[in-house]
N, C-alpha and C. Protein backbone atom coordinates (compact mmCIF):
# COMPACT_ATOMS: atom_id res chain seq x y z
N MET A 1 -6.72 5.61 -59.82
CA MET A 1 -8.16 4.38 -59.64
C MET A 1 -7.85 3.57 -60.84
N VAL A 2 -7.09 4.20 -62.05
CA VAL A 2 -7.02 3.28 -63.37
C VAL A 2 -5.82 2.34 -62.77
N ALA A 3 -4.90 2.27 -61.98
CA ALA A 3 -3.79 1.50 -61.44
C ALA A 3 -4.55 0.32 -60.92
N VAL A 4 -5.78 0.49 -59.81
CA VAL A 4 -6.28 -0.46 -59.01
C VAL A 4 -7.32 -1.48 -60.09
N ILE A 5 -7.93 -0.81 -60.94
CA ILE A 5 -8.54 -1.34 -61.90
C ILE A 5 -8.01 -2.23 -62.85
N GLY A 6 -6.80 -1.38 -63.01
CA GLY A 6 -5.74 -2.15 -64.07
C GLY A 6 -5.25 -3.31 -63.38
N ALA A 7 -4.79 -3.12 -62.35
CA ALA A 7 -4.36 -4.36 -61.33
C ALA A 7 -5.27 -5.66 -61.53
N GLY A 8 -6.50 -5.43 -61.05
CA GLY A 8 -7.51 -6.09 -60.88
C GLY A 8 -7.62 -6.91 -62.25
N ILE A 9 -7.81 -6.53 -63.37
CA ILE A 9 -7.72 -7.05 -64.74
C ILE A 9 -6.68 -7.82 -64.63
N GLY A 10 -5.24 -7.10 -64.59
CA GLY A 10 -4.24 -7.83 -64.87
C GLY A 10 -4.45 -9.29 -64.15
N SER A 11 -4.52 -9.10 -63.04
CA SER A 11 -4.48 -10.19 -62.17
C SER A 11 -5.69 -11.37 -62.56
N LEU A 12 -6.85 -11.06 -63.19
CA LEU A 12 -7.49 -11.75 -63.75
C LEU A 12 -7.20 -12.53 -64.92
N GLY A 13 -6.01 -11.89 -65.58
CA GLY A 13 -5.26 -12.11 -67.08
C GLY A 13 -4.54 -13.13 -66.60
N GLY A 14 -3.43 -12.90 -65.49
CA GLY A 14 -2.74 -13.84 -64.70
C GLY A 14 -3.20 -14.86 -64.32
N LEU A 15 -4.41 -14.84 -63.56
CA LEU A 15 -5.05 -16.06 -63.40
C LEU A 15 -5.33 -17.14 -64.24
N LEU A 16 -6.01 -16.42 -65.72
CA LEU A 16 -6.16 -17.23 -66.72
C LEU A 16 -5.10 -18.24 -67.04
N VAL A 17 -3.84 -17.44 -67.51
CA VAL A 17 -2.17 -18.12 -67.50
C VAL A 17 -1.90 -19.02 -66.84
N SER A 18 -2.12 -18.42 -65.32
CA SER A 18 -1.50 -19.51 -64.29
C SER A 18 -2.54 -20.93 -64.26
N PHE A 19 -3.80 -20.99 -64.54
CA PHE A 19 -4.84 -21.93 -64.98
C PHE A 19 -4.33 -22.86 -65.72
N LEU A 20 -4.10 -22.17 -67.05
CA LEU A 20 -3.76 -22.72 -68.37
C LEU A 20 -2.10 -23.44 -68.31
N LEU A 21 -1.20 -22.67 -67.35
CA LEU A 21 0.21 -23.28 -67.17
C LEU A 21 0.40 -24.20 -66.00
N ASN A 22 -0.73 -24.49 -65.04
CA ASN A 22 -0.45 -24.80 -63.84
C ASN A 22 0.79 -24.19 -63.02
N ASP A 23 0.98 -22.76 -63.05
CA ASP A 23 1.94 -22.24 -62.41
C ASP A 23 1.42 -20.87 -61.78
N TRP A 24 1.12 -21.08 -60.26
CA TRP A 24 0.21 -20.35 -59.87
C TRP A 24 0.65 -18.73 -59.68
N THR A 25 1.56 -18.54 -58.66
CA THR A 25 2.11 -17.45 -58.00
C THR A 25 2.59 -16.37 -59.19
N PRO A 26 3.74 -16.81 -60.10
CA PRO A 26 4.25 -15.70 -61.08
C PRO A 26 3.80 -15.09 -61.79
N ALA A 27 2.41 -16.05 -62.69
CA ALA A 27 1.64 -15.35 -63.46
C ALA A 27 0.66 -14.43 -62.82
N LEU A 28 0.18 -14.56 -61.36
CA LEU A 28 -0.62 -13.55 -61.00
C LEU A 28 -0.04 -12.49 -60.53
N VAL A 29 1.04 -12.27 -60.11
CA VAL A 29 2.14 -11.33 -59.77
C VAL A 29 2.54 -10.31 -60.90
N ILE A 30 2.73 -11.10 -61.99
CA ILE A 30 3.28 -10.46 -63.14
C ILE A 30 2.11 -9.71 -63.90
N GLY A 31 0.92 -10.46 -63.76
CA GLY A 31 -0.30 -9.82 -64.45
C GLY A 31 -0.68 -8.74 -63.67
N ALA A 32 -0.75 -8.70 -62.38
CA ALA A 32 -1.31 -7.56 -61.63
C ALA A 32 -0.21 -6.21 -61.89
N VAL A 33 0.84 -6.47 -62.02
CA VAL A 33 2.02 -5.65 -61.78
C VAL A 33 1.53 -4.83 -63.17
N ALA A 34 1.66 -5.56 -64.45
CA ALA A 34 1.71 -5.08 -65.87
C ALA A 34 0.07 -4.41 -65.85
N GLY A 35 -0.81 -4.88 -65.31
CA GLY A 35 -2.31 -4.08 -65.60
C GLY A 35 -2.18 -3.01 -64.80
N ALA A 36 -1.44 -2.73 -63.68
CA ALA A 36 -1.28 -1.65 -63.10
C ALA A 36 -0.48 -0.52 -63.80
N VAL A 37 0.62 -0.89 -64.30
CA VAL A 37 1.82 -0.01 -65.08
C VAL A 37 1.50 0.09 -66.33
N ILE A 38 0.86 -0.60 -67.09
CA ILE A 38 0.75 -0.37 -68.61
C ILE A 38 -0.26 0.94 -68.77
N PRO A 39 -1.61 0.83 -68.00
CA PRO A 39 -2.16 1.96 -68.13
C PRO A 39 -1.83 3.17 -68.07
N LEU A 40 -0.78 3.28 -67.02
CA LEU A 40 -0.20 4.74 -66.34
C LEU A 40 0.79 4.96 -67.76
N ILE A 41 1.39 4.08 -68.09
CA ILE A 41 2.35 4.57 -69.18
C ILE A 41 1.68 4.88 -70.31
N VAL A 42 0.47 4.04 -70.96
CA VAL A 42 -0.23 4.85 -72.20
C VAL A 42 -1.08 5.67 -71.79
N LEU A 43 -1.49 6.12 -70.93
CA LEU A 43 -2.57 7.31 -70.61
C LEU A 43 -1.65 8.46 -69.90
N GLY A 44 -0.49 8.23 -69.42
CA GLY A 44 0.26 9.12 -68.90
C GLY A 44 -0.18 9.31 -67.41
N SER A 45 0.39 10.31 -66.46
CA SER A 45 0.09 10.25 -65.31
C SER A 45 -1.36 11.04 -64.99
N PRO A 46 -2.03 10.35 -63.76
CA PRO A 46 -3.21 11.21 -63.86
C PRO A 46 -3.26 12.77 -63.38
N GLY A 47 -4.27 13.42 -63.45
CA GLY A 47 -4.18 14.76 -63.63
C GLY A 47 -3.61 15.66 -64.65
N LYS A 48 -3.39 14.95 -65.98
CA LYS A 48 -2.79 15.58 -67.12
C LYS A 48 -4.09 15.91 -68.05
């Protein structure tokens, strides 16, 4: 669940960056991946 919410927030951040830089696809994908992975790295795997 944390990864899904993080991916959503990351894609919104990527949307902001892509809007500012006028480059759409890479910023959205990178933002979504970073938003999904970073919380799992910081908080650890679920269930611990």
